[in-house]
Amino acid sequence: MSARIGAGRRKPPAAAEPSATIPAPAPATPAPANAAKGKRAPGQEDAPLQAWRGFGTEPFWEARVDGDTLVFTTPDNQPGTTMKGRRVPSLVGYVFIGTHDGREFHLGLTPGECSDGMSDNRYDFTATFTLGTTTYKGCGEAAK
């Protein structure tokens, strides 16, 4: 018996022609997993988050950013100190920098599980806030 080469094989069906070409979406800046929870103005749902906060205990502190304004509070300064700054591009997390009264400040939030050490709450970011030569460490989140 002789076997024929290709016997019993069928030709694969031709690929269907698409009716319209759909362009690929433009690359986006990576967003944190909880980005949908953050504050955005109506019509700005796809814009980068503008409101973030970092906070910690021992000592207690909070740095809250909304737009180009950061308010830093402590138990000794409950009304807070208002500082103007800017968000800088980051491949991961959130970075906000500026200068206030001749001292540089930097708020950095990096993805990673964090506990405030006093409650059972878990947060999606670790936070570091530096004002001049003083550094505070804690947790962070998109402000609600």
C-alpha atoms as a PDB file:
ATOM      1  CA  MET A   1       0.000   0.000   0.000  1.00  0.00           C
ATOM      2  CA  SER A   2       1.188   3.340  -0.764  1.00  0.00           C
ATOM      3  CA  ALA A   3       0.240   6.408   1.229  1.00  0.00           C
ATOM      4  CA  ARG A   4      -0.377   9.715  -0.387  1.00  0.00           C
ATOM      5  CA  ILE A   5       1.244  12.742   1.170  1.00  0.00           C
ATOM      6  CA  GLY A   6      -1.355  15.113   2.530  1.00  0.00           C
ATOM      7  CA  ALA A   7      -4.179  12.633   2.173  1.00  0.00           C
ATOM      8  CA  GLY A   8      -6.923  13.153   4.701  1.00  0.00           C
ATOM      9  CA  ARG A   9      -5.856  16.685   5.550  1.00  0.00           C
ATOM     10  CA  ARG A  10      -8.190  19.555   5.082  1.00  0.00           C
ATOM     11  CA  LYS A  11      -7.233  23.085   4.227  1.00  0.00           C
ATOM     12  CA  PRO A  12      -7.813  25.402   7.224  1.00  0.00           C
ATOM     13  CA  PRO A  13     -10.699  27.835   6.790  1.00  0.00           C
ATOM     14  CA  ALA A  14      -9.762  31.343   5.720  1.00  0.00           C
ATOM     15  CA  ALA A  15      -9.816  34.005   8.426  1.00  0.00           C
ATOM     16  CA  ALA A  16     -12.893  36.188   8.375  1.00  0.00           C
ATOM     17  CA  GLU A  17     -12.332  39.693   7.100  1.00  0.00           C
ATOM     18  CA  PRO A  18     -13.072  42.351   9.743  1.00  0.00           C
ATOM     19  CA  SER A  19     -15.782  44.779   8.678  1.00  0.00           C
ATOM     20  CA  ALA A  20     -13.935  47.742  10.193  1.00  0.00           C
ATOM     21  CA  THR A  21     -10.468  48.294  11.578  1.00  0.00           C
ATOM     22  CA  ILE A  22     -10.511  49.207  15.262  1.00  0.00           C
ATOM     23  CA  PRO A  23      -7.503  51.297  16.294  1.00  0.00           C
ATOM     24  CA  ALA A  24      -5.491  50.139  19.276  1.00  0.00           C
ATOM     25  CA  PRO A  25      -6.000  52.268  22.386  1.00  0.00           C
ATOM     26  CA  ALA A  26      -3.281  54.764  23.250  1.00  0.00           C
ATOM     27  CA  PRO A  27      -0.950  53.631  26.031  1.00  0.00           C
ATOM     28  CA  ALA A  28      -2.063  54.905  29.410  1.00  0.00           C
ATOM     29  CA  THR A  29      -0.152  55.841  32.522  1.00  0.00           C
ATOM     30  CA  PRO A  30      -0.342  52.928  34.971  1.00  0.00           C
ATOM     31  CA  ALA A  31      -3.040  53.541  37.567  1.00  0.00           C
ATOM     32  CA  PRO A  32      -3.282  52.066  41.036  1.00  0.00           C
ATOM     33  CA  ALA A  33      -5.710  49.176  41.450  1.00  0.00           C
ATOM     34  CA  ASN A  34      -8.035  51.279  43.603  1.00  0.00           C
ATOM     35  CA  ALA A  35      -8.065  54.264  41.237  1.00  0.00           C
ATOM     36  CA  ALA A  36     -11.829  54.089  40.764  1.00  0.00           C
ATOM     37  CA  LYS A  37     -12.314  55.029  44.416  1.00  0.00           C
ATOM     38  CA  GLY A  38     -10.473  58.338  44.098  1.00  0.00           C
ATOM     39  CA  LYS A  39     -11.794  61.850  43.610  1.00  0.00           C
ATOM     40  CA  ARG A  40     -12.284  63.142  40.062  1.00  0.00           C
ATOM     41  CA  ALA A  41     -14.321  66.014  38.671  1.00  0.00           C
ATOM     42  CA  PRO A  42     -17.346  65.155  36.490  1.00  0.00           C
ATOM     43  CA  GLY A  43     -16.178  64.406  32.967  1.00  0.00           C
ATOM     44  CA  GLN A  44     -12.640  63.709  34.220  1.00  0.00           C
ATOM     45  CA  GLU A  45     -13.117  60.041  35.128  1.00  0.00           C
ATOM     46  CA  ASP A  46     -10.180  58.978  32.936  1.00  0.00           C
ATOM     47  CA  ALA A  47      -7.849  61.761  34.139  1.00  0.00           C
ATOM     48  CA  PRO A  48      -5.136  60.992  36.711  1.00  0.00           C
ATOM     49  CA  LEU A  49      -6.316  61.111  40.307  1.00  0.00           C
ATOM     50  CA  GLN A  50      -5.942  64.515  41.923  1.00  0.00           C
ATOM     51  CA  ALA A  51      -6.677  63.669  45.561  1.00  0.00           C
ATOM     52  CA  TRP A  52      -4.419  61.454  47.694  1.00  0.00           C
ATOM     53  CA  ARG A  53      -3.450  61.156  51.322  1.00  0.00           C
ATOM     54  CA  GLY A  54      -0.578  59.713  53.309  1.00  0.00           C
ATOM     55  CA  PHE A  55      -0.830  59.267  57.072  1.00  0.00           C
ATOM     56  CA  GLY A  56       0.885  57.594  59.973  1.00  0.00           C
ATOM     57  CA  THR A  57       1.130  57.029  63.698  1.00  0.00           C
ATOM     58  CA  GLU A  58       3.988  57.473  66.148  1.00  0.00           C
ATOM     59  CA  PRO A  59       4.049  60.355  65.436  1.00  0.00           C
ATOM     60  CA  PHE A  60       0.576  61.066  64.085  1.00  0.00           C
ATOM     61  CA  TRP A  61       0.615  62.915  60.769  1.00  0.00           C
ATOM     62  CA  GLU A  62      -1.364  63.355  57.570  1.00  0.00           C
ATOM     63  CA  ALA A  63      -0.475  64.854  54.188  1.00  0.00           C
ATOM     64  CA  ARG A  64      -3.555  65.340  52.009  1.00  0.00           C
ATOM     65  CA  VAL A  65      -3.202  66.381  48.363  1.00  0.00           C
ATOM     66  CA  ASP A  66      -5.994  67.834  46.244  1.00  0.00           C
ATOM     67  CA  GLY A  67      -4.896  69.171  42.863  1.00  0.00           C
ATOM     68  CA  ASP A  68      -1.788  71.331  43.408  1.00  0.00           C
ATOM     69  CA  THR A  69      -2.313  71.792  47.169  1.00  0.00           C
ATOM     70  CA  LEU A  70      -0.957  69.660  50.005  1.00  0.00           C
ATOM     71  CA  VAL A  71      -2.142  70.172  53.603  1.00  0.00           C
ATOM     72  CA  PHE A  72       0.153  68.689  56.261  1.00  0.00           C
ATOM     73  CA  THR A  73      -1.336  68.164  59.736  1.00  0.00           C
ATOM     74  CA  THR A  74      -0.070  66.871  63.069  1.00  0.00           C
ATOM     75  CA  PRO A  75      -1.642  66.861  66.571  1.00  0.00           C
ATOM     76  CA  ASP A  76       0.346  70.044  67.316  1.00  0.00           C
ATOM     77  CA  ASN A  77      -0.868  71.704  64.094  1.00  0.00           C
ATOM     78  CA  GLN A  78      -4.448  70.514  63.575  1.00  0.00           C
ATOM     79  CA  PRO A  79      -5.444  73.293  61.139  1.00  0.00           C
ATOM     80  CA  GLY A  80      -2.472  72.172  59.046  1.00  0.00           C
ATOM     81  CA  THR A  81       0.111  73.848  56.868  1.00  0.00           C
ATOM     82  CA  THR A  82      -0.951  74.455  53.269  1.00  0.00           C
ATOM     83  CA  MET A  83       1.748  73.975  50.633  1.00  0.00           C
ATOM     84  CA  LYS A  84       1.687  74.318  46.849  1.00  0.00           C
ATOM     85  CA  GLY A  85       3.413  71.689  44.750  1.00  0.00           C
ATOM     86  CA  ARG A  86       3.076  69.486  41.724  1.00  0.00           C
ATOM     87  CA  ARG A  87       2.640  65.880  40.829  1.00  0.00           C
ATOM     88  CA  VAL A  88       5.597  64.381  39.017  1.00  0.00           C
ATOM     89  CA  PRO A  89       5.428  61.374  36.691  1.00  0.00           C
ATOM     90  CA  SER A  90       6.064  58.018  38.320  1.00  0.00           C
ATOM     91  CA  LEU A  91       6.019  54.547  36.810  1.00  0.00           C
ATOM     92  CA  VAL A  92       4.480  53.222  40.013  1.00  0.00           C
ATOM     93  CA  GLY A  93       2.541  54.974  42.709  1.00  0.00           C
ATOM     94  CA  TYR A  94       2.142  58.688  43.257  1.00  0.00           C
ATOM     95  CA  VAL A  95       4.744  61.434  43.825  1.00  0.00           C
ATOM     96  CA  PHE A  96       4.023  65.056  44.828  1.00  0.00           C
ATOM     97  CA  ILE A  97       6.838  67.563  45.414  1.00  0.00           C
ATOM     98  CA  GLY A  98       7.364  71.223  46.191  1.00  0.00           C
ATOM     99  CA  THR A  99       9.050  73.811  48.379  1.00  0.00           C
ATOM    100  CA  HIS A 100       7.540  75.582  51.394  1.00  0.00           C
ATOM    101  CA  ASP A 101       9.280  78.255  53.492  1.00  0.00           C
ATOM    102  CA  GLY A 102      12.610  77.293  51.955  1.00  0.00           C
ATOM    103  CA  ARG A 103      12.217  73.594  52.744  1.00  0.00           C
ATOM    104  CA  GLU A 104      11.626  70.947  50.117  1.00  0.00           C
ATOM    105  CA  PHE A 105       8.805  68.462  50.644  1.00  0.00           C
ATOM    106  CA  HIS A 106       8.079  65.134  48.992  1.00  0.00           C
ATOM    107  CA  LEU A 107       5.073  62.826  49.337  1.00  0.00           C
ATOM    108  CA  GLY A 108       5.534  59.389  47.817  1.00  0.00           C
ATOM    109  CA  LEU A 109       2.934  56.620  47.777  1.00  0.00           C
ATOM    110  CA  THR A 110       4.044  53.211  46.563  1.00  0.00           C
ATOM    111  CA  PRO A 111       1.779  50.203  45.921  1.00  0.00           C
ATOM    112  CA  GLY A 112       2.076  47.699  48.740  1.00  0.00           C
ATOM    113  CA  GLU A 113      -0.060  46.400  51.580  1.00  0.00           C
ATOM    114  CA  CYS A 114       0.104  48.606  54.654  1.00  0.00           C
ATOM    115  CA  SER A 115      -1.445  48.608  58.127  1.00  0.00           C
ATOM    116  CA  ASP A 116      -1.648  51.744  60.250  1.00  0.00           C
ATOM    117  CA  GLY A 117      -0.589  49.721  63.310  1.00  0.00           C
ATOM    118  CA  MET A 118      -3.590  50.779  65.395  1.00  0.00           C
ATOM    119  CA  SER A 119      -6.585  49.289  63.597  1.00  0.00           C
ATOM    120  CA  ASP A 120      -7.332  46.265  61.493  1.00  0.00           C
ATOM    121  CA  ASN A 121      -7.544  48.489  58.408  1.00  0.00           C
ATOM    122  CA  ARG A 122      -5.413  47.567  55.423  1.00  0.00           C
ATOM    123  CA  TYR A 123      -4.342  50.076  52.784  1.00  0.00           C
ATOM    124  CA  ASP A 124      -3.056  49.562  49.251  1.00  0.00           C
ATOM    125  CA  PHE A 125      -0.101  51.976  49.521  1.00  0.00           C
ATOM    126  CA  THR A 126       2.831  52.724  51.786  1.00  0.00           C
ATOM    127  CA  ALA A 127       3.558  56.430  52.247  1.00  0.00           C
ATOM    128  CA  THR A 128       6.620  58.534  52.947  1.00  0.00           C
ATOM    129  CA  PHE A 129       6.421  62.283  53.550  1.00  0.00           C
ATOM    130  CA  THR A 130       9.601  64.317  53.860  1.00  0.00           C
ATOM    131  CA  LEU A 131       9.591  67.966  54.944  1.00  0.00           C
ATOM    132  CA  GLY A 132      13.083  69.425  55.053  1.00  0.00           C
ATOM    133  CA  THR A 133      15.172  66.918  57.002  1.00  0.00           C
ATOM    134  CA  THR A 134      12.240  65.188  58.747  1.00  0.00           C
ATOM    135  CA  THR A 135      10.730  62.017  57.269  1.00  0.00           C
ATOM    136  CA  TYR A 136       7.388  60.478  58.222  1.00  0.00           C
ATOM    137  CA  LYS A 137       6.362  56.945  57.248  1.00  0.00           C
ATOM    138  CA  GLY A 138       2.929  55.369  57.092  1.00  0.00           C
ATOM    139  CA  CYS A 139       0.157  54.268  54.759  1.00  0.00           C
ATOM    140  CA  GLY A 140      -1.616  55.926  51.850  1.00  0.00           C
ATOM    141  CA  GLU A 141      -4.708  55.829  49.702  1.00  0.00           C
ATOM    142  CA  ALA A 142      -6.644  57.647  47.045  1.00  0.00           C
ATOM    143  CA  ALA A 143      -8.649  60.264  48.940  1.00  0.00           C
ATOM    144  CA  LYS A 144     -12.362  59.702  49.010  1.00  0.00           C
END
